[in-house]
C-alpha atoms as a PDB file:
ATOM      1  CA  UNK A   1      93.787  76.858  75.631  1.00  0.00           C
ATOM      2  CA  UNK A   2      94.480  78.524  72.244  1.00  0.00           C
ATOM      3  CA  UNK A   3      97.499  80.698  71.571  1.00  0.00           C
ATOM      4  CA  UNK A   4      95.200  83.732  70.924  1.00  0.00           C
ATOM      5  CA  UNK A   5      95.577  84.660  74.646  1.00  0.00           C
ATOM      6  CA  UNK A   6      99.432  84.979  74.326  1.00  0.00           C
ATOM      7  CA  UNK A   7      99.102  88.551  72.728  1.00  0.00           C
ATOM      8  CA  UNK A   8      96.489  89.698  75.372  1.00  0.00           C
ATOM      9  CA  UNK A   9      97.290  92.343  77.942  1.00  0.00           C
ATOM     10  CA  UNK A  10      97.410  91.098  81.623  1.00  0.00           C
ATOM     11  CA  UNK A  11      93.956  92.843  82.118  1.00  0.00           C
ATOM     12  CA  UNK A  12      92.403  91.128  79.019  1.00  0.00           C
ATOM     13  CA  UNK A  13      93.872  87.765  80.015  1.00  0.00           C
ATOM     14  CA  UNK A  14      92.192  87.932  83.468  1.00  0.00           C
ATOM     15  CA  UNK A  15      88.834  88.210  81.526  1.00  0.00           C
ATOM     16  CA  UNK A  16      89.673  84.897  79.978  1.00  0.00           C
ATOM     17  CA  UNK A  17      90.662  83.444  83.423  1.00  0.00           C
ATOM     18  CA  UNK A  18      87.190  84.413  84.730  1.00  0.00           C
ATOM     19  CA  UNK A  19      85.359  83.001  81.791  1.00  0.00           C
ATOM     20  CA  UNK A  20      87.121  79.695  82.120  1.00  0.00           C
ATOM     21  CA  UNK A  21      86.506  79.457  85.963  1.00  0.00           C
ATOM     22  CA  UNK A  22      82.824  80.221  85.456  1.00  0.00           C
ATOM     23  CA  UNK A  23      82.748  77.221  83.152  1.00  0.00           C
ATOM     24  CA  UNK A  24      84.943  75.097  85.454  1.00  0.00           C
ATOM     25  CA  UNK A  25      82.697  75.588  88.618  1.00  0.00           C
ATOM     26  CA  UNK A  26      79.719  74.101  86.640  1.00  0.00           C
ATOM     27  CA  UNK A  27      81.738  71.185  85.533  1.00  0.00           C
ATOM     28  CA  UNK A  28      82.929  70.678  89.067  1.00  0.00           C
ATOM     29  CA  UNK A  29      79.456  70.739  90.380  1.00  0.00           C
ATOM     30  CA  UNK A  30      78.343  67.991  87.954  1.00  0.00           C
ATOM     31  CA  UNK A  31      81.388  65.858  88.610  1.00  0.00           C
ATOM     32  CA  UNK A  32      81.181  65.862  92.483  1.00  0.00           C
ATOM     33  CA  UNK A  33      77.145  65.350  92.744  1.00  0.00           C
ATOM     34  CA  UNK A  34      76.305  63.456  89.690  1.00  0.00           C
ATOM     35  CA  UNK A  35      79.236  61.567  88.198  1.00  0.00           C
ATOM     36  CA  UNK A  36      81.068  60.047  91.114  1.00  0.00           C
ATOM     37  CA  UNK A  37      83.913  62.418  90.997  1.00  0.00           C
ATOM     38  CA  UNK A  38      84.604  61.597  87.321  1.00  0.00           C
ATOM     39  CA  UNK A  39      85.148  64.278  84.662  1.00  0.00           C
ATOM     40  CA  UNK A  40      88.616  63.930  83.361  1.00  0.00           C
ATOM     41  CA  UNK A  41      90.503  67.009  82.406  1.00  0.00           C
ATOM     42  CA  UNK A  42      87.366  69.051  82.355  1.00  0.00           C
ATOM     43  CA  UNK A  43      87.386  69.436  86.087  1.00  0.00           C
ATOM     44  CA  UNK A  44      90.994  70.223  86.358  1.00  0.00           C
ATOM     45  CA  UNK A  45      92.190  73.751  87.024  1.00  0.00           C
ATOM     46  CA  UNK A  46      91.904  75.846  83.815  1.00  0.00           C
ATOM     47  CA  UNK A  47      95.343  76.518  82.193  1.00  0.00           C
ATOM     48  CA  UNK A  48      94.549  80.097  81.569  1.00  0.00           C
ATOM     49  CA  UNK A  49      95.569  81.268  85.200  1.00  0.00           C
ATOM     50  CA  UNK A  50      98.910  79.438  85.077  1.00  0.00           C
ATOM     51  CA  UNK A  51      99.573  81.019  81.546  1.00  0.00           C
ATOM     52  CA  UNK A  52      98.515  84.499  83.068  1.00  0.00           C
ATOM     53  CA  UNK A  53     100.947  84.016  85.955  1.00  0.00           C
ATOM     54  CA  UNK A  54     103.779  83.321  83.528  1.00  0.00           C
ATOM     55  CA  UNK A  55     102.904  86.328  81.517  1.00  0.00           C
ATOM     56  CA  UNK A  56     103.002  88.794  84.498  1.00  0.00           C
ATOM     57  CA  UNK A  57     106.354  87.503  86.026  1.00  0.00           C
ATOM     58  CA  UNK A  58     108.047  90.180  83.940  1.00  0.00           C
ATOM     59  CA  UNK A  59     105.514  92.821  84.661  1.00  0.00           C
ATOM     60  CA  UNK A  60     106.039  95.574  87.403  1.00  0.00           C
ATOM     61  CA  UNK A  61     102.936  94.466  89.269  1.00  0.00           C
ATOM     62  CA  UNK A  62     103.812  90.741  89.240  1.00  0.00           C
ATOM     63  CA  UNK A  63     105.118  90.833  92.926  1.00  0.00           C
ATOM     64  CA  UNK A  64     102.296  93.036  94.267  1.00  0.00           C
ATOM     65  CA  UNK A  65     100.485  91.738  97.379  1.00  0.00           C
ATOM     66  CA  UNK A  66      97.139  91.654  95.594  1.00  0.00           C
ATOM     67  CA  UNK A  67      98.626  89.456  92.769  1.00  0.00           C
ATOM     68  CA  UNK A  68     100.160  87.184  95.442  1.00  0.00           C
ATOM     69  CA  UNK A  69      96.741  86.896  97.201  1.00  0.00           C
ATOM     70  CA  UNK A  70      95.107  86.048  93.945  1.00  0.00           C
ATOM     71  CA  UNK A  71      97.622  83.115  93.484  1.00  0.00           C
ATOM     72  CA  UNK A  72      97.075  81.900  97.043  1.00  0.00           C
ATOM     73  CA  UNK A  73      93.199  81.952  96.667  1.00  0.00           C
ATOM     74  CA  UNK A  74      93.536  80.076  93.307  1.00  0.00           C
ATOM     75  CA  UNK A  75      95.702  77.338  95.067  1.00  0.00           C
ATOM     76  CA  UNK A  76      93.443  77.073  98.048  1.00  0.00           C
ATOM     77  CA  UNK A  77      90.260  76.851  95.945  1.00  0.00           C
ATOM     78  CA  UNK A  78      91.468  74.071  93.566  1.00  0.00           C
ATOM     79  CA  UNK A  79      93.084  72.110  96.451  1.00  0.00           C
ATOM     80  CA  UNK A  80      89.720  72.033  98.115  1.00  0.00           C
ATOM     81  CA  UNK A  81      87.881  71.247  94.975  1.00  0.00           C
ATOM     82  CA  UNK A  82      90.265  68.376  94.094  1.00  0.00           C
ATOM     83  CA  UNK A  83      89.745  66.918  97.605  1.00  0.00           C
ATOM     84  CA  UNK A  84      85.912  66.749  97.180  1.00  0.00           C
ATOM     85  CA  UNK A  85      86.381  65.019  93.733  1.00  0.00           C
ATOM     86  CA  UNK A  86      88.526  62.406  95.392  1.00  0.00           C
ATOM     87  CA  UNK A  87      85.937  61.905  98.011  1.00  0.00           C
ATOM     88  CA  UNK A  88      83.182  61.601  95.403  1.00  0.00           C
ATOM     89  CA  UNK A  89      85.213  59.102  93.444  1.00  0.00           C
ATOM     90  CA  UNK A  90      85.664  57.090  96.615  1.00  0.00           C
ATOM     91  CA  UNK A  91      81.910  57.026  97.066  1.00  0.00           C
ATOM     92  CA  UNK A  92      81.827  59.611  99.854  1.00  0.00           C
ATOM     93  CA  UNK A  93      79.287  62.290  99.692  1.00  0.00           C
ATOM     94  CA  UNK A  94      80.631  65.688 100.424  1.00  0.00           C
ATOM     95  CA  UNK A  95      79.615  67.400 103.650  1.00  0.00           C
ATOM     96  CA  UNK A  96      77.832  70.901 103.497  1.00  0.00           C
ATOM     97  CA  UNK A  97      81.006  72.312 105.274  1.00  0.00           C
ATOM     98  CA  UNK A  98      83.314  71.000 102.565  1.00  0.00           C
ATOM     99  CA  UNK A  99      81.088  72.276  99.907  1.00  0.00           C
ATOM    100  CA  UNK A 100      80.753  75.710 101.390  1.00  0.00           C
ATOM    101  CA  UNK A 101      84.647  75.683 101.808  1.00  0.00           C
ATOM    102  CA  UNK A 102      85.018  75.401  97.966  1.00  0.00           C
ATOM    103  CA  UNK A 103      82.121  77.815  97.073  1.00  0.00           C
ATOM    104  CA  UNK A 104      83.546  80.538  99.554  1.00  0.00           C
ATOM    105  CA  UNK A 105      86.994  80.283  97.958  1.00  0.00           C
ATOM    106  CA  UNK A 106      85.545  80.511  94.602  1.00  0.00           C
ATOM    107  CA  UNK A 107      83.423  83.689  95.353  1.00  0.00           C
ATOM    108  CA  UNK A 108      86.428  85.260  97.056  1.00  0.00           C
ATOM    109  CA  UNK A 109      88.707  84.360  94.179  1.00  0.00           C
ATOM    110  CA  UNK A 110      86.231  85.880  91.633  1.00  0.00           C
ATOM    111  CA  UNK A 111      85.864  89.015  93.648  1.00  0.00           C
ATOM    112  CA  UNK A 112      89.612  89.575  94.000  1.00  0.00           C
ATOM    113  CA  UNK A 113      90.200  88.672  90.257  1.00  0.00           C
ATOM    114  CA  UNK A 114      87.858  91.475  89.434  1.00  0.00           C
ATOM    115  CA  UNK A 115      89.726  93.869  91.633  1.00  0.00           C
ATOM    116  CA  UNK A 116      93.161  92.967  90.145  1.00  0.00           C
ATOM    117  CA  UNK A 117      91.734  93.164  86.694  1.00  0.00           C
ATOM    118  CA  UNK A 118      90.636  96.779  87.491  1.00  0.00           C
ATOM    119  CA  UNK A 119      94.071  97.427  88.938  1.00  0.00           C
ATOM    120  CA  UNK A 120      95.871  96.212  85.873  1.00  0.00           C
ATOM    121  CA  UNK A 121      93.733  98.408  83.707  1.00  0.00           C
ATOM    122  CA  UNK A 122      94.647 101.370  85.789  1.00  0.00           C
ATOM    123  CA  UNK A 123      98.340 100.334  85.656  1.00  0.00           C
ATOM    124  CA  UNK A 124      98.097 100.185  81.894  1.00  0.00           C
ATOM    125  CA  UNK A 125      97.202 103.834  81.944  1.00  0.00           C
ATOM    126  CA  UNK A 126     100.626 104.670  83.535  1.00  0.00           C
ATOM    127  CA  UNK A 127      99.324 105.208  87.193  1.00  0.00           C
ATOM    128  CA  UNK A 128      99.838 102.893  90.221  1.00  0.00           C
ATOM    129  CA  UNK A 129      96.363 101.918  91.314  1.00  0.00           C
ATOM    130  CA  UNK A 130      97.377 101.737  95.034  1.00  0.00           C
ATOM    131  CA  UNK A 131      99.341 105.031  95.418  1.00  0.00           C
ATOM    132  CA  UNK A 132      98.033 107.092  92.441  1.00  0.00           C
ATOM    133  CA  UNK A 133     101.734 107.838  91.541  1.00  0.00           C
ATOM    134  CA  UNK A 134     103.083 107.216  87.997  1.00  0.00           C
ATOM    135  CA  UNK A 135     104.733 103.916  87.474  1.00  0.00           C
ATOM    136  CA  UNK A 136     108.084 103.145  86.306  1.00  0.00           C
ATOM    137  CA  UNK A 137     106.711 102.560  82.657  1.00  0.00           C
ATOM    138  CA  UNK A 138     107.009 106.304  82.153  1.00  0.00           C
ATOM    139  CA  UNK A 139     109.812 106.941  84.474  1.00  0.00           C
ATOM    140  CA  UNK A 140     112.637 106.558  82.016  1.00  0.00           C
ATOM    141  CA  UNK A 141     111.059 108.860  79.421  1.00  0.00           C
ATOM    142  CA  UNK A 142     110.501 111.587  82.066  1.00  0.00           C
ATOM    143  CA  UNK A 143     113.985 111.469  83.316  1.00  0.00           C
ATOM    144  CA  UNK A 144     115.432 111.617  79.733  1.00  0.00           C
ATOM    145  CA  UNK A 145     113.283 114.597  79.059  1.00  0.00           C
ATOM    146  CA  UNK A 146     114.461 116.480  82.109  1.00  0.00           C
ATOM    147  CA  UNK A 147     118.064 115.430  81.309  1.00  0.00           C
ATOM    148  CA  UNK A 148     117.768 116.810  77.948  1.00  0.00           C
ATOM    149  CA  UNK A 149     116.466 120.054  79.174  1.00  0.00           C
ATOM    150  CA  UNK A 150     119.499 120.235  81.672  1.00  0.00           C
ATOM    151  CA  UNK A 151     122.033 119.664  78.876  1.00  0.00           C
ATOM    152  CA  UNK A 152     120.432 122.331  76.640  1.00  0.00           C
ATOM    153  CA  UNK A 153     120.373 125.216  79.061  1.00  0.00           C
ATOM    154  CA  UNK A 154     120.546 123.997  82.717  1.00  0.00           C
ATOM    155  CA  UNK A 155     120.094 124.307  85.559  1.00  0.00           C
ATOM    156  CA  UNK A 156     120.755 120.871  87.210  1.00  0.00           C
ATOM    157  CA  UNK A 157     118.261 118.573  88.623  1.00  0.00           C
ATOM    158  CA  UNK A 158     118.272 115.820  91.182  1.00  0.00           C
ATOM    159  CA  UNK A 159     116.947 112.270  91.488  1.00  0.00           C
ATOM    160  CA  UNK A 160     116.125 110.621  94.786  1.00  0.00           C
ATOM    161  CA  UNK A 161     115.212 107.044  95.666  1.00  0.00           C
ATOM    162  CA  UNK A 162     113.066 106.402  98.651  1.00  0.00           C
ATOM    163  CA  UNK A 163     112.861 103.019 100.289  1.00  0.00           C
ATOM    164  CA  UNK A 164     110.669 102.423 103.356  1.00  0.00           C
ATOM    165  CA  UNK A 165     112.588 101.023 106.228  1.00  0.00           C
ATOM    166  CA  UNK A 166     111.869  97.463 107.440  1.00  0.00           C
ATOM    167  CA  UNK A 167     108.720  97.248 105.225  1.00  0.00           C
ATOM    168  CA  UNK A 168     108.983  93.420 105.218  1.00  0.00           C
ATOM    169  CA  UNK A 169     108.537  93.516 108.864  1.00  0.00           C
ATOM    170  CA  UNK A 170     105.391  95.614 108.587  1.00  0.00           C
ATOM    171  CA  UNK A 171     103.883  93.128 106.149  1.00  0.00           C
ATOM    172  CA  UNK A 172     104.864  90.144 108.293  1.00  0.00           C
ATOM    173  CA  UNK A 173     103.473  91.779 111.492  1.00  0.00           C
ATOM    174  CA  UNK A 174     100.343  93.400 110.281  1.00  0.00           C
ATOM    175  CA  UNK A 175      99.477  91.831 106.971  1.00  0.00           C
ATOM    176  CA  UNK A 176      99.609  93.065 103.383  1.00  0.00           C
ATOM    177  CA  UNK A 177      96.410  95.149 103.779  1.00  0.00           C
ATOM    178  CA  UNK A 178      98.146  97.340 106.411  1.00  0.00           C
ATOM    179  CA  UNK A 179     101.361  97.166 104.301  1.00  0.00           C
ATOM    180  CA  UNK A 180      99.228  98.751 101.345  1.00  0.00           C
ATOM    181  CA  UNK A 181      98.011 101.476 103.695  1.00  0.00           C
ATOM    182  CA  UNK A 182     101.558 102.266 104.525  1.00  0.00           C
ATOM    183  CA  UNK A 183     102.545 102.543 100.947  1.00  0.00           C
ATOM    184  CA  UNK A 184      99.497 104.728 100.257  1.00  0.00           C
ATOM    185  CA  UNK A 185     100.504 107.002 103.014  1.00  0.00           C
ATOM    186  CA  UNK A 186     104.121 107.243 101.990  1.00  0.00           C
ATOM    187  CA  UNK A 187     103.070 108.084  98.489  1.00  0.00           C
ATOM    188  CA  UNK A 188     100.779 110.811  99.839  1.00  0.00           C
ATOM    189  CA  UNK A 189     103.566 112.301 101.943  1.00  0.00           C
ATOM    190  CA  UNK A 190     105.748 112.381  98.966  1.00  0.00           C
ATOM    191  CA  UNK A 191     103.321 114.088  96.913  1.00  0.00           C
ATOM    192  CA  UNK A 192     102.726 116.712  99.491  1.00  0.00           C
ATOM    193  CA  UNK A 193     106.477 117.123 100.111  1.00  0.00           C
ATOM    194  CA  UNK A 194     107.511 118.056  96.536  1.00  0.00           C
ATOM    195  CA  UNK A 195     106.479 120.910  94.336  1.00  0.00           C
ATOM    196  CA  UNK A 196     103.838 120.788  91.721  1.00  0.00           C
ATOM    197  CA  UNK A 197     106.259 120.580  88.846  1.00  0.00           C
ATOM    198  CA  UNK A 198     108.480 117.906  90.338  1.00  0.00           C
ATOM    199  CA  UNK A 199     107.554 114.182  89.598  1.00  0.00           C
ATOM    200  CA  UNK A 200     107.337 111.067  91.719  1.00  0.00           C
ATOM    201  CA  UNK A 201     107.108 107.472  90.574  1.00  0.00           C
ATOM    202  CA  UNK A 202     106.433 104.191  92.254  1.00  0.00           C
ATOM    203  CA  UNK A 203     109.394 102.009  91.079  1.00  0.00           C
ATOM    204  CA  UNK A 204     107.764  98.814  92.557  1.00  0.00           C
ATOM    205  CA  UNK A 205     107.494  97.286  95.876  1.00  0.00           C
ATOM    206  CA  UNK A 206     108.257  99.805  98.616  1.00  0.00           C
ATOM    207  CA  UNK A 207     110.587 102.000  96.385  1.00  0.00           C
ATOM    208  CA  UNK A 208     109.811 105.441  95.097  1.00  0.00           C
ATOM    209  CA  UNK A 209     111.785 107.816  92.736  1.00  0.00           C
ATOM    210  CA  UNK A 210     111.520 111.414  93.008  1.00  0.00           C
ATOM    211  CA  UNK A 211     112.725 113.907  90.271  1.00  0.00           C
ATOM    212  CA  UNK A 212     113.407 117.404  91.609  1.00  0.00           C
ATOM    213  CA  UNK A 213     113.454 119.631  88.596  1.00  0.00           C
ATOM    214  CA  UNK A 214     115.729 122.760  88.295  1.00  0.00           C
ATOM    215  CA  UNK A 215     117.260 121.888  91.654  1.00  0.00           C
ATOM    216  CA  UNK A 216     120.844 121.553  92.790  1.00  0.00           C
ATOM    217  CA  UNK A 217     122.168 119.135  95.290  1.00  0.00           C
ATOM    218  CA  UNK A 218     122.152 121.612  98.277  1.00  0.00           C
ATOM    219  CA  UNK A 219     118.451 122.477  97.818  1.00  0.00           C
ATOM    220  CA  UNK A 220     117.642 118.931  96.822  1.00  0.00           C
ATOM    221  CA  UNK A 221     119.000 117.701 100.123  1.00  0.00           C
ATOM    222  CA  UNK A 222     116.938 120.222 102.054  1.00  0.00           C
ATOM    223  CA  UNK A 223     113.687 119.090 100.267  1.00  0.00           C
ATOM    224  CA  UNK A 224     114.305 115.428 100.775  1.00  0.00           C
ATOM    225  CA  UNK A 225     115.540 115.730 104.376  1.00  0.00           C
ATOM    226  CA  UNK A 226     112.297 117.751 105.072  1.00  0.00           C
ATOM    227  CA  UNK A 227     110.311 114.978 103.490  1.00  0.00           C
ATOM    228  CA  UNK A 228     112.222 112.330 105.482  1.00  0.00           C
ATOM    229  CA  UNK A 229     111.508 114.274 108.816  1.00  0.00           C
ATOM    230  CA  UNK A 230     107.744 114.519 107.819  1.00  0.00           C
ATOM    231  CA  UNK A 231     107.440 110.818 107.274  1.00  0.00           C
ATOM    232  CA  UNK A 232     109.180 110.082 110.520  1.00  0.00           C
ATOM    233  CA  UNK A 233     106.891 112.436 112.475  1.00  0.00           C
ATOM    234  CA  UNK A 234     103.645 111.103 110.952  1.00  0.00           C
ATOM    235  CA  UNK A 235     102.827 107.532 112.024  1.00  0.00           C
ATOM    236  CA  UNK A 236     100.192 105.671 110.050  1.00  0.00           C
ATOM    237  CA  UNK A 237      96.827 105.008 111.888  1.00  0.00           C
ATOM    238  CA  UNK A 238      95.279 101.636 111.541  1.00  0.00           C
ATOM    239  CA  UNK A 239      91.548 100.945 111.402  1.00  0.00           C
ATOM    240  CA  UNK A 240      91.590  99.878 115.085  1.00  0.00           C
ATOM    241  CA  UNK A 241      93.224 103.114 116.245  1.00  0.00           C
ATOM    242  CA  UNK A 242      96.780 101.703 116.594  1.00  0.00           C
ATOM    243  CA  UNK A 243      99.590 103.698 114.974  1.00  0.00           C
ATOM    244  CA  UNK A 244     102.787 102.418 113.154  1.00  0.00           C
ATOM    245  CA  UNK A 245     105.789 104.704 113.159  1.00  0.00           C
ATOM    246  CA  UNK A 246     107.284 104.597 109.489  1.00  0.00           C
ATOM    247  CA  UNK A 247     110.517 105.895 108.307  1.00  0.00           C
ATOM    248  CA  UNK A 248     112.284 105.872 105.082  1.00  0.00           C
ATOM    249  CA  UNK A 249     115.862 105.993 103.701  1.00  0.00           C
ATOM    250  CA  UNK A 250     116.873 108.140 100.648  1.00  0.00           C
ATOM    251  CA  UNK A 251     119.731 108.094  98.122  1.00  0.00           C
ATOM    252  CA  UNK A 252     120.103 111.401  96.333  1.00  0.00           C
ATOM    253  CA  UNK A 253     122.255 112.363  93.267  1.00  0.00           C
ATOM    254  CA  UNK A 254     122.635 115.413  91.188  1.00  0.00           C
ATOM    255  CA  UNK A 255     122.722 115.436  87.440  1.00  0.00           C
ATOM    256  CA  UNK A 256     125.957 115.889  85.438  1.00  0.00           C
ATOM    257  CA  UNK A 257     126.529 116.288  81.805  1.00  0.00           C
ATOM    258  CA  UNK A 258     128.626 113.226  81.785  1.00  0.00           C
ATOM    259  CA  UNK A 259     126.237 111.253  83.968  1.00  0.00           C
ATOM    260  CA  UNK A 260     123.526 109.490  81.821  1.00  0.00           C
ATOM    261  CA  UNK A 261     120.037 108.912  83.230  1.00  0.00           C
ATOM    262  CA  UNK A 262     120.579 105.117  83.803  1.00  0.00           C
ATOM    263  CA  UNK A 263     123.845 105.959  85.803  1.00  0.00           C
ATOM    264  CA  UNK A 264     122.053 108.650  87.811  1.00  0.00           C
ATOM    265  CA  UNK A 265     119.650 105.971  89.024  1.00  0.00           C
ATOM    266  CA  UNK A 266     122.284 103.492  89.766  1.00  0.00           C
ATOM    267  CA  UNK A 267     124.021 106.144  91.765  1.00  0.00           C
ATOM    268  CA  UNK A 268     121.063 107.160  93.718  1.00  0.00           C
ATOM    269  CA  UNK A 269     120.546 103.532  94.423  1.00  0.00           C
ATOM    270  CA  UNK A 270     124.135 103.160  95.812  1.00  0.00           C
ATOM    271  CA  UNK A 271     123.569 106.017  98.021  1.00  0.00           C
ATOM    272  CA  UNK A 272     120.351 104.420  99.172  1.00  0.00           C
ATOM    273  CA  UNK A 273     122.355 101.243 100.012  1.00  0.00           C
ATOM    274  CA  UNK A 274     124.700 103.476 101.996  1.00  0.00           C
ATOM    275  CA  UNK A 275     121.710 105.080 103.968  1.00  0.00           C
ATOM    276  CA  UNK A 276     120.356 101.638 104.864  1.00  0.00           C
ATOM    277  CA  UNK A 277     123.789 100.296 105.904  1.00  0.00           C
ATOM    278  CA  UNK A 278     124.446 103.296 108.089  1.00  0.00           C
ATOM    279  CA  UNK A 279     121.294 102.995 110.245  1.00  0.00           C
ATOM    280  CA  UNK A 280     118.312 103.946 107.921  1.00  0.00           C
ATOM    281  CA  UNK A 281     115.962 106.920 108.288  1.00  0.00           C
ATOM    282  CA  UNK A 282     118.476 109.201 106.699  1.00  0.00           C
ATOM    283  CA  UNK A 283     119.328 110.981 103.385  1.00  0.00           C
ATOM    284  CA  UNK A 284     122.669 110.120 101.582  1.00  0.00           C
ATOM    285  CA  UNK A 285     124.052 112.284  98.885  1.00  0.00           C
ATOM    286  CA  UNK A 286     125.992 110.325  96.354  1.00  0.00           C
ATOM    287  CA  UNK A 287     129.740 111.348  96.149  1.00  0.00           C
ATOM    288  CA  UNK A 288     129.287 113.761  99.152  1.00  0.00           C
ATOM    289  CA  UNK A 289     128.435 111.827 102.412  1.00  0.00           C
ATOM    290  CA  UNK A 290     131.042 109.258 103.485  1.00  0.00           C
ATOM    291  CA  UNK A 291     130.001 105.679 104.316  1.00  0.00           C
ATOM    292  CA  UNK A 292     129.154 104.965 107.926  1.00  0.00           C
ATOM    293  CA  UNK A 293     129.201 101.509 109.509  1.00  0.00           C
ATOM    294  CA  UNK A 294     126.847 100.878 112.465  1.00  0.00           C
ATOM    295  CA  UNK A 295     128.505  99.132 115.295  1.00  0.00           C
ATOM    296  CA  UNK A 296     127.894  95.408 115.262  1.00  0.00           C
ATOM    297  CA  UNK A 297     126.052  95.473 111.856  1.00  0.00           C
ATOM    298  CA  UNK A 298     127.400  93.646 108.893  1.00  0.00           C
ATOM    299  CA  UNK A 299     129.348  95.719 106.372  1.00  0.00           C
ATOM    300  CA  UNK A 300     127.007  94.274 103.725  1.00  0.00           C
ATOM    301  CA  UNK A 301     124.157  96.725 102.630  1.00  0.00           C
ATOM    302  CA  UNK A 302     120.738  95.802 103.936  1.00  0.00           C
ATOM    303  CA  UNK A 303     117.790  97.344 102.021  1.00  0.00           C
ATOM    304  CA  UNK A 304     115.060  96.146 104.481  1.00  0.00           C
END
């Protein structure tokens, strides 16, 4: 692979991955059915996908379930394809079931790759494709802008970090598709629960940041507590009619002239840890609410 792809965006790089895999599947067919499994490096997995995975490790979307699924499909497809090459090299003709197993994985890989490609394109625009909220790419700039307004002429503003409780358990129990549904429903509830001039961002994973403009700590607490209650009272309905109860924990901090934006986020995160460690499904105000330790629970914070 040439180095020209090194400067491509993740979305553009997926176009290269697709092109190389379309060439690869033809080479694989010829090697399995006409060349006794022989084809050298030409029938190995194209290097572009591995390069793409390395490139997105530092990207906000690298740990999204959709990306993880694409990696899994890629591994399954090439493992099955390699097995048939080995069989052909040993003089064994592949069965129809074996062949269909490879082709089915290839078709699913291509379909999912196109979906991820579209999602990365949307993310580049500053919007999270799953929730419709802005991503953290523009979060720092937005918070700095609000902090500058506050320092010029007040009034204060608040920052809250929201983390869905026991989200890993939801993914493990119901699968990532249902996890995505929970994320989208939480984002929708956040959008409904704040004012039109407030801002909400998806920080990554199951975490969201909310900027409550021109709002002191007392009013900010009322807004976030109302949002917390709304989330707890509104279960997520699954396609089969089942309902999942979802709660979230919040850390809340008020702006201060001597508190830079980066420190505000750190303080809100510390308050969130405290909320998690105190039993979850609650709002903790940084510097106001005292730590609570749930009986029988480790004193170490637990975000999940």
